[in-house]
Amino acid sequence: MAKFLIVGPVTCDTILTSGSKHQKIGGPVYYQASVLSAFKSDVTAAVAVGMDDSDLLKNFPSDIELLPLWGDETMEFENFYPDDDPNHRIQRACISRNPIQTSHIRRIDISDFDAVLVSPLSPYDVPLETLKYISKTGVPVYLGAQGYLRHFKGYEVVLKPWKGYKDFLRCVDFLFLDEVEAGVILGELQLSLDETLQDISKYGPKEVIITRGSRGSVIYSQDLDRIYRIAAFPPKETADPTGLGDTYLAAYAFRRQGVSDPQECGIFASIVASFKLEKKGAFNGNLQQIQEKRSKYFL
């Protein structure tokens, strides 16, 4: 059984569509923990959360070992999906600064894990020194880069190039971002998606994964010097796209413990993301469902 450490903030989310509004727990650590729990992995979650929102942690699967990192306030996000396109999201946020420091992580024997999933939601969540500390253990680091690109004008979320990205990327083995984030990460214009993948990989990550919503995903393997294009698997319906990228990341990391083929990992993650999209909340499927759906496309 693979052992995972996941690190990042939990959030209070408001989800808006053209016809509904509901509030729920959010944050990459929540969606990732749900995926890994569903696949019977051994998971420890180091979670940044406000003292007044301890009840949020009750939403995590019961088999997850939780290590709360208490702060003054919990991050709040509002995600508005104005149409049926899961790629179209308007986001607002109220950001609290509860950085996950090296002193927090020193309490954990990281060498005991097979992989560490790091997922900041703002530039303040996981400082460079913390990421360096995790990386020096030699355990593979999977990074969801979105938080390092997010900046805030009042409650509005805007993306800006990642300041000091080279130093961060030296600490990363597997980097994940979406297509919009890929367009701004390096601060360079007129790069194709393939050029962006290869340029990012020069600074450290041996695999760079860009998710594209309904257009699938693209993976670059530095070791194989090869680009893989992974198709999306259409869901029966689009119920809740929030946390889709986080779901993909966790599924990819899970499959990567068993196989070294980036294409196989991408296909697996894409199928898991499809199941998550069909229902509100976090993924709660199982391996048999994934295998059955895969067999329909790859006989």
Foldseek 3Di string as FASTA:
>chain_A
DAEEEEEEEKEWEWEAEQPDIDIAIGDLLQQLQQLCVQAVYAYEYEYEAEPVVPVNVVSHPPRYHYRYQYDNHGKYKYWYDHDQALVDIFIWIDDDQRADDLVNVVVDPLLVGQEYEYEYQALRHYDLVNLQVNLVSVRAYEYECNRQQWDDDPGGTDGAARPPVLSNQQSHAEYEYEPVNLCHHHPDPDDDPVRSQVVSPVSHHQKYKYQYGQQAIWMAGNVVRDIDGEHADAAPGFDDLRNLRSQLSSQLVVVCVPDVDSRVSRNLSRLQSSQQRRDPDHGNHHPVVSVVVVVVVPD
